[in-house]
Amino acid sequence: MTSGAARLLREEQRATFLDLFLDLVFVFAIFRLSQGLRDHLNWSGAVQTLVLLLAVWWVWSQTAGVSNRFDPRRPTIQLLVIGSMFGSFVLAAAVPESFGEHGLLFAGAYVAVQVGRSLFLVIVTRGDERQRPEMRLLFWYGVSAVPWIAGAVVQGWPRGVLWALALAVDYTAAPLRWPTPGLGRASATEFAISAEFLAERHRQFFIIALGELILVSGLTFTSSAFEADRSAAVVVAFATTVLLWRIYIHRAGEVFGGAVAAATDPLRVALSATYAHLVMVAGIVAISVGDELVITHPFGHAQPAWIAVILGGPALFLAGRAIFEYAVFGRVSRNRVAGVLVLAAMSPAMIFLPPVLVAAAAALVLAGIAVSDAARARGRPPEPPSPPG
């Protein structure tokens, strides 16, 4: 006899329209993050944006994971995902003032999505062995809910500390395999991973992050007259977006699914890649702010904070891409490391250049890496995935 939980299990291992529908909310979330960083472009604003990005990313990652385990064509699962979408929408709407008057709204939405989703799945899987992983998640989201809510009711730096603690709980429970009282640690098979589905969902999220760059560039460009200097800045911003896509997809992005399938510990490779994508998306958020500043003030004075996002964004992306490459191939290409070092080394001299030339310099570094990738791959058979250990 088939249990109710078994009837909810996923059979098709490809992303569905519901999965893509979920991602629409996170286009809005990334846009709100970049706008918040733009409005608070200092060290405090950068740290706050990082905390908020970590929360947004973990909500997406865990909600996307529902479709890895359960069939999104089932009305029950559709209801769950749509409910999580609405909670994520509220979360994104609260982002700009989450360290101000909307702290409780942001934290409440985060806890409601994470705890509510897990509680729902514990209920629908009752009486089935598949309830065990959902109970683990419910336990750990219950633990992190305490500093989330506590942080929301205080002001100033204690909020950031408490929310960072909550995120530390969420992000460390996974690599520790969610050790839970009465259940111990999760086995290797308890959180079964569909390699191709996981790879497809991360590629899709990366594409929507690039879509946010197009959105910000387009909105900024069309906000006033199409002048020659602003047009040149848009060309640089668009070329940077294309180069990010090209560097991302080159081999590692294409064979990510094969790396997870070939790994002796698929969960570890999946988590490494998930964290790598987080770093890359953080870079894209910074690049988005830089694009807006460059298009608005192409030949203005490049302030240090502007240079930090214009050059730091690509550097973060390359660092995340290097982590991703290691997760897939067990090694890191030297041009990724060289690109980060060149961006760091050139930053002091950029104070003498207008923003559009700073952005062009960053684009040239990315172009060099893309050309190096193409040259190295020419005439060689495609490298198979070889995840570490």
Foldseek 3Di string as FASTA:
>chain_A
DDALLNVFFADDLADDPLLVVLLVLVLLLLLLLLVLCLVVLDPVSLLLSLLLLLLLLLLNVVLLLVVQTGPCVDPLNVVLSVVSSVLSNQLSVLSNQCLHDCVQSNLVSSLCNQLVSLVSLLVSQPPHPLNVVSVLSNVLSVVLSVLSNVLSVDHDPSNSVSSVVSSCSVLVCQVQQRQDVPRGHDDLPSSDGQLVSLLNSLVSSVVSLLVSLVVLLVVLCPPDDNDPLLVLLSVLSVLLSVLLVLLQCLQLSVQRSVLLVPDPRSSVLSSLLSVLSSLLSSLSSLCSSLSSVCSNFVFDQCDLSSLCSLLVSLLSNLVSSQSSLCSFAVHGDPLSVVLNVVSVVCSVVCRPGGSSVSNNVNSVSSVVVSVVSVVVPPPDDRDHTDHDD
